[in-house]
Amino acid sequence: MEPAAHRRPVARDRLWPHVVWEIVLAAGVVAAVFAVRHEDQGALSGAGRDNLLVLVSAGILLGSAFALSLRAAVPNLAVGAVAVVAGVLTAWLQAEHGYELRIAALIALGGAVALGLVTAFVVVGFRLPGWAVGLGAALGLWAAAQSLSAGRTLTLDGVPNLRDWAWPLAIGAAALSIIGGVLGLLPRARLTLGQYRPSGDPAAARGSRAGLTATAALIGSMLLAAGAGLILAMRVRTAVPDDGFTLLGVAAAAAFLGGTSAYGRRGGVFGTVLAAGFLQLATLWLRLVDAGAWTRPALLGGAIVLGLLVGRVVEAAGSTEPPPPDDADEDAGPETQLWDPYGTGSFARPGTDPYPTGGFTPAASYREGAEPYWPGQAPAPEGEPATAEPTRDLGAYGEPGSNTRQFREPGRGADR
């Protein structure tokens, strides 16, 4: 059962910051297209266009993989290494065991799902930070890739020409990212995604629903990254057993630049698709102008920093105050349920004594025919002055020690 501490209202997210930023990204994509066409008219047509679409589809999948883990507040730093190992494992199964390409690819995807389950067990079960577990998994995957390939580049056989599938790949990858963004706009989905964001003790339990969400996000992240790795390996028909750090940079740059918050839950709809397209176009332009090798990591690093700044603005401008909890009336104490029917300043809850006398005095306590008065308010008979006689020192609540006096009629106090 979910802990009571985590059944709190979540701030409603405003969407206009994401809309504004995605318009800016769309303008950047258009500007990048013009810049590339200015350098080479044929770069965005024919084989060059198809090759770019294949790269964009892989970039969208990588960015979506990292964005999914970010939104669930379990950032997966293993996405780059998973992409590398997916290609290496597929090539190794072909070379060493004679598997067909599709069977080897399915095994690689199944291994990504299994790795997601194991990672989720460690992250959710032991309440450890996702980025740290992902970093450890990335190093382990790099070691596995080196072991399987013996440090050499492996070749894939029977690979179809992905340029013939450029448009279906790009449209499919974009559709997955956009559908995920649309689903993330639903209030219940955003609430579920935000449940794993730490509040207070970061190692405290988040609840079963938050744990299931984090598990699904990690599995989906691993699966998307493996799909991107297969596309990249099949594109060049080789698998290089590197550390996957550059691919992690591509994934993080696309996710952050697309408007996904580093704090979790928040993200746009078209942002990852637009960011991945912009990054590939900018990389192509750098190659066309013969820029130095250092410019690509500089581009990725700058995109990450800019994306983090944008995410911080989204965090600052993207929330309204949370609504009051549903059980506020049930938990309200006497100080929030006040009732003062006579305007005396003595407040009490409905159905209780509104005066601090401790009880009511019945009308029978006074002379016959008298009106029911409160204690000490019964008037004296006409012509007889009321005198104050000290009584036993009992306070308003029957406790000795108070200095109150009660008025009695002369001669009538002893026989009562």
Protein backbone atom coordinates (compact mmCIF):
# COMPACT_ATOMS: atom_id res chain seq x y z
CA MET A 1 0.00 0.00 0.00
CA GLU A 2 1.25 3.47 -0.81
CA PRO A 3 2.60 5.38 2.19
CA ALA A 4 0.47 8.27 3.41
CA ALA A 5 3.37 10.65 2.95
CA HIS A 6 3.23 10.08 -0.80
CA ARG A 7 -0.54 10.48 -1.22
CA ARG A 8 -0.15 14.22 -1.51
CA PRO A 9 -1.45 16.46 -4.28
CA VAL A 10 0.92 17.16 -7.13
CA ALA A 11 1.25 20.58 -8.70
CA ARG A 12 -0.59 21.02 -11.97
CA ASP A 13 1.85 21.52 -14.83
CA ARG A 14 1.42 24.37 -17.27
CA LEU A 15 2.02 23.37 -20.89
CA TRP A 16 2.73 26.75 -22.44
CA PRO A 17 6.49 26.67 -21.61
CA HIS A 18 6.82 23.44 -23.61
CA VAL A 19 4.78 24.86 -26.50
CA VAL A 20 6.93 27.99 -26.65
CA TRP A 21 10.17 26.03 -26.54
CA GLU A 22 9.03 23.56 -29.20
CA ILE A 23 8.20 26.48 -31.51
CA VAL A 24 11.76 27.73 -30.96
CA LEU A 25 13.11 24.25 -31.75
CA ALA A 26 11.03 24.05 -34.92
CA ALA A 27 12.48 27.37 -36.01
CA GLY A 28 15.97 26.01 -35.30
CA VAL A 29 15.30 22.95 -37.45
CA VAL A 30 14.17 25.14 -40.34
CA ALA A 31 17.28 27.32 -39.98
CA ALA A 32 19.50 24.21 -39.92
CA VAL A 33 17.85 22.93 -43.11
CA PHE A 34 18.60 26.19 -44.89
CA ALA A 35 22.19 26.17 -43.60
CA VAL A 36 22.78 22.63 -44.91
CA ARG A 37 21.21 23.40 -48.28
CA HIS A 38 23.35 26.49 -48.55
CA GLU A 39 26.48 24.34 -48.29
CA ASP A 40 25.27 21.44 -50.45
CA GLN A 41 22.07 21.48 -52.49
CA GLY A 42 22.02 17.69 -52.78
CA ALA A 43 22.69 16.88 -49.14
CA LEU A 44 18.98 16.65 -48.35
CA SER A 45 17.86 14.71 -51.38
CA GLY A 46 18.30 11.17 -52.63
CA ALA A 47 20.69 8.92 -50.72
CA GLY A 48 21.87 11.77 -48.51
CA ARG A 49 18.35 12.45 -47.32
CA ASP A 50 17.65 8.77 -46.67
CA ASN A 51 20.87 8.37 -44.73
CA LEU A 52 19.98 11.42 -42.64
CA LEU A 53 16.52 10.01 -41.90
CA VAL A 54 18.03 6.73 -40.68
CA LEU A 55 20.34 8.64 -38.35
CA VAL A 56 17.46 10.83 -37.13
CA SER A 57 15.35 7.75 -36.36
CA ALA A 58 18.16 6.30 -34.23
CA GLY A 59 18.63 9.67 -32.52
CA ILE A 60 14.91 9.90 -31.73
CA LEU A 61 14.92 6.43 -30.18
CA LEU A 62 18.00 7.23 -28.09
CA GLY A 63 16.56 10.55 -26.95
CA SER A 64 13.20 8.95 -26.16
CA ALA A 65 14.93 6.21 -24.16
CA PHE A 66 16.72 8.71 -21.97
CA ALA A 67 13.71 11.05 -21.76
CA LEU A 68 11.48 8.20 -20.57
CA SER A 69 13.83 7.37 -17.73
CA LEU A 70 14.16 11.07 -16.87
CA ARG A 71 10.42 11.61 -16.67
CA ALA A 72 10.10 8.65 -14.32
CA ALA A 73 12.92 10.15 -12.17
CA VAL A 74 15.25 7.16 -12.78
CA PRO A 75 17.77 8.56 -15.31
CA ASN A 76 19.34 5.68 -17.21
CA LEU A 77 22.99 6.36 -18.01
CA ALA A 78 23.33 2.93 -19.62
CA VAL A 79 21.39 3.79 -22.80
CA GLY A 80 24.54 4.37 -24.87
CA ALA A 81 26.19 1.14 -23.75
CA VAL A 82 22.95 -0.79 -24.33
CA ALA A 83 22.85 0.49 -27.92
CA VAL A 84 26.44 -0.65 -28.49
CA VAL A 85 25.96 -4.09 -26.92
CA ALA A 86 22.75 -4.71 -28.90
CA GLY A 87 24.72 -4.47 -32.14
CA VAL A 88 27.71 -6.40 -30.80
CA LEU A 89 25.56 -9.20 -29.41
CA THR A 90 23.64 -9.55 -32.67
CA ALA A 91 26.84 -9.75 -34.70
CA TRP A 92 28.41 -12.19 -32.22
CA LEU A 93 25.39 -14.51 -32.32
CA GLN A 94 25.61 -14.50 -36.11
CA ALA A 95 29.35 -15.11 -36.24
CA GLU A 96 29.76 -17.60 -33.40
CA HIS A 97 26.45 -19.46 -33.35
CA GLY A 98 25.09 -19.04 -36.86
CA TYR A 99 21.82 -17.36 -35.89
CA GLU A 100 19.76 -15.57 -38.49
CA LEU A 101 19.76 -11.81 -38.27
CA ARG A 102 16.18 -11.48 -37.06
CA ILE A 103 16.61 -14.17 -34.39
CA ALA A 104 19.83 -12.63 -33.16
CA ALA A 105 18.17 -9.18 -33.10
CA LEU A 106 15.22 -10.52 -31.10
CA ILE A 107 17.61 -12.10 -28.60
CA ALA A 108 19.37 -8.76 -28.23
CA LEU A 109 16.04 -7.01 -27.60
CA GLY A 110 15.08 -9.68 -25.08
CA GLY A 111 18.40 -9.18 -23.33
CA ALA A 112 17.61 -5.46 -23.09
CA VAL A 113 14.29 -6.26 -21.40
CA ALA A 114 16.03 -8.61 -18.96
CA LEU A 115 18.62 -5.95 -18.19
CA GLY A 116 15.82 -3.46 -17.54
CA LEU A 117 14.22 -5.84 -15.06
CA VAL A 118 17.49 -6.39 -13.21
CA THR A 119 18.22 -2.66 -13.12
CA ALA A 120 14.73 -1.90 -11.86
CA PHE A 121 15.07 -4.54 -9.15
CA VAL A 122 18.23 -2.88 -7.88
CA VAL A 123 16.95 0.70 -8.21
CA VAL A 124 13.45 0.19 -6.85
CA GLY A 125 14.09 -2.71 -4.50
CA PHE A 126 17.02 -1.07 -2.73
CA ARG A 127 15.87 2.53 -3.40
CA LEU A 128 19.15 3.48 -5.05
CA PRO A 129 19.63 6.41 -7.46
CA GLY A 130 18.94 5.33 -11.02
CA TRP A 131 21.83 7.28 -12.52
CA ALA A 132 24.38 5.51 -10.30
CA VAL A 133 23.01 2.05 -11.07
CA GLY A 134 22.90 2.93 -14.76
CA LEU A 135 26.52 4.06 -14.68
CA GLY A 136 27.58 0.76 -13.14
CA ALA A 137 25.53 -1.12 -15.73
CA ALA A 138 27.17 0.88 -18.53
CA LEU A 139 30.65 -0.12 -17.39
CA GLY A 140 29.58 -3.75 -17.11
CA LEU A 141 28.12 -3.65 -20.62
CA TRP A 142 31.30 -2.16 -22.01
CA ALA A 143 33.24 -5.04 -20.45
CA ALA A 144 30.74 -7.50 -21.97
CA ALA A 145 31.11 -5.94 -25.42
CA GLN A 146 34.89 -6.17 -25.20
CA SER A 147 34.67 -9.78 -24.07
CA LEU A 148 32.26 -10.87 -26.81
CA SER A 149 34.13 -9.17 -29.64
CA ALA A 150 37.67 -9.66 -28.32
CA GLY A 151 38.15 -5.97 -28.99
CA ARG A 152 37.59 -6.20 -32.75
CA THR A 153 34.87 -4.86 -35.02
CA LEU A 154 32.23 -7.47 -35.91
CA THR A 155 30.38 -7.72 -39.22
CA LEU A 156 26.65 -8.19 -39.67
CA ASP A 157 25.48 -10.44 -42.49
CA GLY A 158 22.21 -10.43 -44.38
CA VAL A 159 21.36 -6.87 -43.40
CA PRO A 160 18.77 -5.10 -45.57
CA ASN A 161 19.54 -1.67 -46.96
CA LEU A 162 18.05 0.62 -44.34
CA ARG A 163 17.96 3.52 -46.77
CA ASP A 164 15.04 1.73 -48.41
CA TRP A 165 13.29 1.87 -45.05
CA ALA A 166 14.32 5.40 -44.15
CA TRP A 167 10.87 6.96 -44.13
CA PRO A 168 9.12 4.12 -42.23
CA LEU A 169 11.91 4.12 -39.64
CA ALA A 170 11.80 7.88 -39.16
CA ILE A 171 8.00 8.04 -39.03
CA GLY A 172 7.80 5.07 -36.64
CA ALA A 173 10.42 6.51 -34.27
CA ALA A 174 8.75 9.93 -34.33
CA ALA A 175 5.34 8.36 -33.71
CA LEU A 176 6.61 6.47 -30.66
CA SER A 177 8.08 9.65 -29.21
CA ILE A 178 5.02 11.79 -29.93
CA ILE A 179 2.57 9.20 -28.58
CA GLY A 180 4.63 8.97 -25.42
CA GLY A 181 4.56 12.75 -25.10
CA VAL A 182 0.80 12.89 -25.60
CA LEU A 183 0.24 10.17 -23.00
CA GLY A 184 2.47 12.13 -20.65
CA LEU A 185 0.04 15.07 -20.89
CA LEU A 186 -2.77 13.10 -19.26
CA PRO A 187 -3.19 14.22 -15.62
CA ARG A 188 -3.21 10.69 -14.23
CA ALA A 189 -0.13 9.74 -16.27
CA ARG A 190 1.76 12.86 -15.12
CA LEU A 191 0.78 12.14 -11.54
CA THR A 192 2.04 8.57 -11.85
CA LEU A 193 5.29 9.65 -13.50
CA GLY A 194 5.87 12.23 -10.78
CA GLN A 195 5.43 9.84 -7.88
CA TYR A 196 9.03 8.66 -7.99
CA ARG A 197 10.41 12.18 -7.75
CA PRO A 198 12.00 12.37 -4.28
CA SER A 199 10.45 14.64 -1.68
CA GLY A 200 12.22 14.66 1.66
CA ASP A 201 14.37 11.59 2.20
CA PRO A 202 15.50 10.42 -1.28
CA ALA A 203 15.95 6.87 0.01
CA ALA A 204 12.43 6.65 1.42
CA ALA A 205 9.89 4.27 -0.09
CA ARG A 206 7.84 5.75 -2.94
CA GLY A 207 4.96 3.30 -2.93
CA SER A 208 4.06 0.32 -5.10
CA ARG A 209 2.57 2.36 -7.95
CA ALA A 210 5.67 4.55 -8.20
CA GLY A 211 7.88 1.46 -8.16
CA LEU A 212 5.93 -0.17 -10.99
CA THR A 213 6.16 3.05 -13.01
CA ALA A 214 9.93 3.25 -12.52
CA THR A 215 10.27 -0.43 -13.49
CA ALA A 216 8.27 0.04 -16.69
CA ALA A 217 10.28 3.17 -17.55
CA LEU A 218 13.61 1.41 -17.13
CA ILE A 219 12.51 -1.56 -19.22
CA GLY A 220 11.16 0.71 -21.94
CA SER A 221 14.32 2.80 -21.86
CA MET A 222 16.55 -0.25 -22.35
CA LEU A 223 14.34 -1.54 -25.16
CA LEU A 224 14.33 1.76 -27.06
CA ALA A 225 18.10 2.09 -26.70
CA ALA A 226 18.63 -1.44 -28.01
CA GLY A 227 16.43 -0.65 -31.02
CA ALA A 228 18.51 2.44 -31.75
CA GLY A 229 21.71 0.40 -31.48
CA LEU A 230 20.41 -2.17 -33.97
CA ILE A 231 19.55 0.57 -36.47
CA LEU A 232 23.01 2.10 -36.16
CA ALA A 233 24.77 -1.26 -36.52
CA MET A 234 22.67 -2.34 -39.50
CA ARG A 235 23.17 1.02 -41.19
CA VAL A 236 26.93 0.39 -41.55
CA ARG A 237 26.71 -3.44 -41.28
CA THR A 238 29.31 -3.46 -38.50
CA ALA A 239 29.32 -3.37 -34.70
CA VAL A 240 32.09 -1.49 -32.91
CA PRO A 241 32.60 -2.48 -29.23
CA ASP A 242 33.16 1.01 -27.80
CA ASP A 243 32.03 2.42 -24.45
CA GLY A 244 28.86 4.07 -25.79
CA PHE A 245 29.73 7.42 -24.22
CA THR A 246 29.10 9.37 -27.44
CA LEU A 247 25.72 7.70 -27.89
CA LEU A 248 24.86 8.58 -24.31
CA GLY A 249 25.73 12.18 -25.17
CA VAL A 250 23.41 12.04 -28.19
CA ALA A 251 20.59 10.64 -26.04
CA ALA A 252 21.04 13.19 -23.26
CA ALA A 253 21.33 16.10 -25.70
CA ALA A 254 18.12 15.11 -27.53
CA ALA A 255 16.20 14.60 -24.28
CA PHE A 256 17.33 17.75 -22.48
CA LEU A 257 17.21 19.98 -25.54
CA GLY A 258 13.73 18.62 -26.24
CA GLY A 259 12.51 20.07 -22.96
CA THR A 260 12.48 17.02 -20.68
CA SER A 261 13.08 18.08 -17.11
CA ALA A 262 16.08 16.67 -15.28
CA TYR A 263 13.92 16.56 -12.14
CA GLY A 264 11.35 14.18 -13.59
CA ARG A 265 7.72 14.16 -14.78
CA ARG A 266 7.80 17.15 -17.10
CA GLY A 267 8.31 16.91 -20.84
CA GLY A 268 6.83 18.09 -24.10
CA VAL A 269 5.29 16.31 -27.07
CA PHE A 270 7.39 17.09 -30.15
CA GLY A 271 10.50 18.26 -28.32
CA THR A 272 12.61 15.09 -28.56
CA VAL A 273 11.81 14.62 -32.26
CA LEU A 274 12.70 18.24 -33.07
CA ALA A 275 15.86 18.15 -30.95
CA ALA A 276 17.09 14.91 -32.56
CA GLY A 277 16.46 16.35 -36.02
CA PHE A 278 18.25 19.58 -35.18
CA LEU A 279 21.28 17.77 -33.77
CA GLN A 280 21.67 15.58 -36.86
CA LEU A 281 21.29 18.55 -39.19
CA ALA A 282 23.82 20.56 -37.17
CA THR A 283 26.25 17.63 -37.26
CA LEU A 284 25.83 17.35 -41.01
CA TRP A 285 26.46 21.07 -41.43
CA LEU A 286 29.65 20.85 -39.34
CA ARG A 287 30.88 18.06 -41.61
CA LEU A 288 30.04 20.05 -44.72
CA VAL A 289 32.03 23.07 -43.53
CA ASP A 290 34.98 20.84 -42.57
CA ALA A 291 34.78 21.75 -38.87
CA GLY A 292 37.25 20.19 -36.48
CA ALA A 293 36.61 16.88 -34.75
CA TRP A 294 36.14 18.68 -31.44
CA THR A 295 33.03 20.47 -32.68
CA ARG A 296 30.68 17.48 -32.40
CA PRO A 297 31.28 16.83 -28.68
CA ALA A 298 31.11 20.60 -28.19
CA LEU A 299 27.73 20.61 -29.95
CA LEU A 300 26.40 17.82 -27.75
CA GLY A 301 27.73 19.38 -24.56
CA GLY A 302 26.29 22.78 -25.44
CA ALA A 303 22.93 21.22 -26.24
CA ILE A 304 22.88 19.45 -22.85
CA VAL A 305 23.71 22.64 -20.94
CA LEU A 306 21.14 24.67 -22.90
CA GLY A 307 18.56 21.94 -22.36
CA LEU A 308 19.21 21.93 -18.62
CA LEU A 309 18.69 25.70 -18.50
CA VAL A 310 15.47 25.36 -20.46
CA GLY A 311 14.32 22.61 -18.11
CA ARG A 312 15.01 24.85 -15.14
CA VAL A 313 12.85 27.58 -16.68
CA VAL A 314 10.12 25.01 -17.29
CA GLU A 315 10.32 23.94 -13.65
CA ALA A 316 10.03 27.56 -12.49
CA ALA A 317 7.22 28.57 -14.83
CA GLY A 318 5.48 25.27 -15.37
CA SER A 319 3.50 24.71 -12.16
CA THR A 320 0.49 26.06 -10.36
CA GLU A 321 -0.20 25.60 -6.68
CA PRO A 322 -1.37 22.07 -5.83
CA PRO A 323 -5.05 21.67 -4.93
CA PRO A 324 -5.96 21.00 -1.29
CA PRO A 325 -5.93 17.32 -0.33
CA ASP A 326 -9.21 15.44 -0.57
CA ASP A 327 -9.09 14.42 3.07
CA ALA A 328 -8.53 17.94 4.41
CA ASP A 329 -12.02 18.09 5.97
CA GLU A 330 -11.60 14.70 7.58
CA ASP A 331 -8.34 15.66 9.24
CA ALA A 332 -9.37 19.16 10.27
CA GLY A 333 -9.07 19.77 14.00
CA PRO A 334 -11.22 21.89 16.32
CA GLU A 335 -9.23 24.98 15.43
CA THR A 336 -10.43 24.82 11.84
CA GLN A 337 -14.09 23.98 12.64
CA LEU A 338 -15.26 26.94 14.70
CA TRP A 339 -18.80 27.85 15.65
CA ASP A 340 -19.88 30.95 17.51
CA PRO A 341 -23.66 31.33 17.31
CA TYR A 342 -23.88 34.30 19.70
CA GLY A 343 -20.78 36.22 18.69
CA THR A 344 -19.27 35.98 22.15
CA GLY A 345 -15.82 35.00 20.95
CA SER A 346 -16.07 31.62 22.63
CA PHE A 347 -15.74 29.14 19.77
CA ALA A 348 -16.54 25.47 19.85
CA ARG A 349 -17.36 22.68 17.48
CA PRO A 350 -21.04 22.22 16.51
CA GLY A 351 -22.99 20.22 19.05
CA THR A 352 -20.78 21.22 21.99
CA ASP A 353 -21.07 23.85 24.72
CA PRO A 354 -20.26 27.22 23.10
CA TYR A 355 -19.46 28.78 26.49
CA PRO A 356 -16.65 27.91 28.90
CA THR A 357 -18.96 27.14 31.81
CA GLY A 358 -18.66 23.41 31.56
CA GLY A 359 -22.40 22.74 31.39
CA PHE A 360 -25.93 24.13 31.33
CA THR A 361 -27.97 25.16 34.37
CA PRO A 362 -31.58 23.95 34.09
CA ALA A 363 -34.46 26.35 34.65
CA ALA A 364 -35.53 24.34 37.72
CA SER A 365 -32.51 25.66 39.57
CA TYR A 366 -34.24 29.05 39.89
CA ARG A 367 -37.59 30.19 41.22
CA GLU A 368 -40.77 28.88 39.75
CA GLY A 369 -41.84 30.61 36.59
CA ALA A 370 -38.45 32.13 36.01
CA GLU A 371 -36.89 32.21 32.58
CA PRO A 372 -34.00 29.82 31.94
CA TYR A 373 -30.86 31.83 32.53
CA TRP A 374 -27.21 30.98 32.41
CA PRO A 375 -25.41 30.54 35.74
CA GLY A 376 -25.22 33.78 37.71
CA GLN A 377 -27.66 35.59 35.40
CA ALA A 378 -30.97 35.01 37.23
CA PRO A 379 -32.30 38.40 38.38
CA ALA A 380 -33.19 39.01 42.03
CA PRO A 381 -36.87 39.39 43.02
CA GLU A 382 -38.23 42.89 42.60
CA GLY A 383 -37.21 45.08 45.50
CA GLU A 384 -34.49 42.74 46.78
CA PRO A 385 -30.92 43.68 45.91
CA ALA A 386 -28.76 40.95 44.64
CA THR A 387 -25.85 40.15 46.90
CA ALA A 388 -22.79 38.21 46.07
CA GLU A 389 -21.99 35.40 48.43
CA PRO A 390 -18.71 33.58 48.08
CA THR A 391 -19.22 29.99 47.19
CA ARG A 392 -16.90 27.11 47.12
CA ASP A 393 -13.96 28.01 44.93
CA LEU A 394 -14.81 25.95 41.84
CA GLY A 395 -13.83 27.14 38.43
CA ALA A 396 -15.75 26.98 35.21
CA TYR A 397 -14.73 23.35 34.75
CA GLY A 398 -15.23 22.25 38.37
CA GLU A 399 -11.57 22.59 39.27
CA PRO A 400 -10.46 24.13 42.56
CA GLY A 401 -8.21 27.09 42.47
CA SER A 402 -10.11 29.60 40.33
CA ASN A 403 -11.29 32.92 41.71
CA THR A 404 -14.82 32.85 40.29
CA ARG A 405 -17.91 33.77 42.29
CA GLN A 406 -21.51 32.73 41.68
CA PHE A 407 -24.46 34.95 42.58
CA ARG A 408 -27.22 33.55 44.74
CA GLU A 409 -30.43 35.04 45.99
CA PRO A 410 -30.41 35.94 49.69
CA GLY A 411 -31.65 33.12 51.81
CA ARG A 412 -31.98 30.66 49.01
CA GLY A 413 -28.46 29.32 48.76
CA ALA A 414 -28.49 26.85 51.66
CA ASP A 415 -31.58 24.87 50.76
CA ARG A 416 -30.52 24.24 47.15
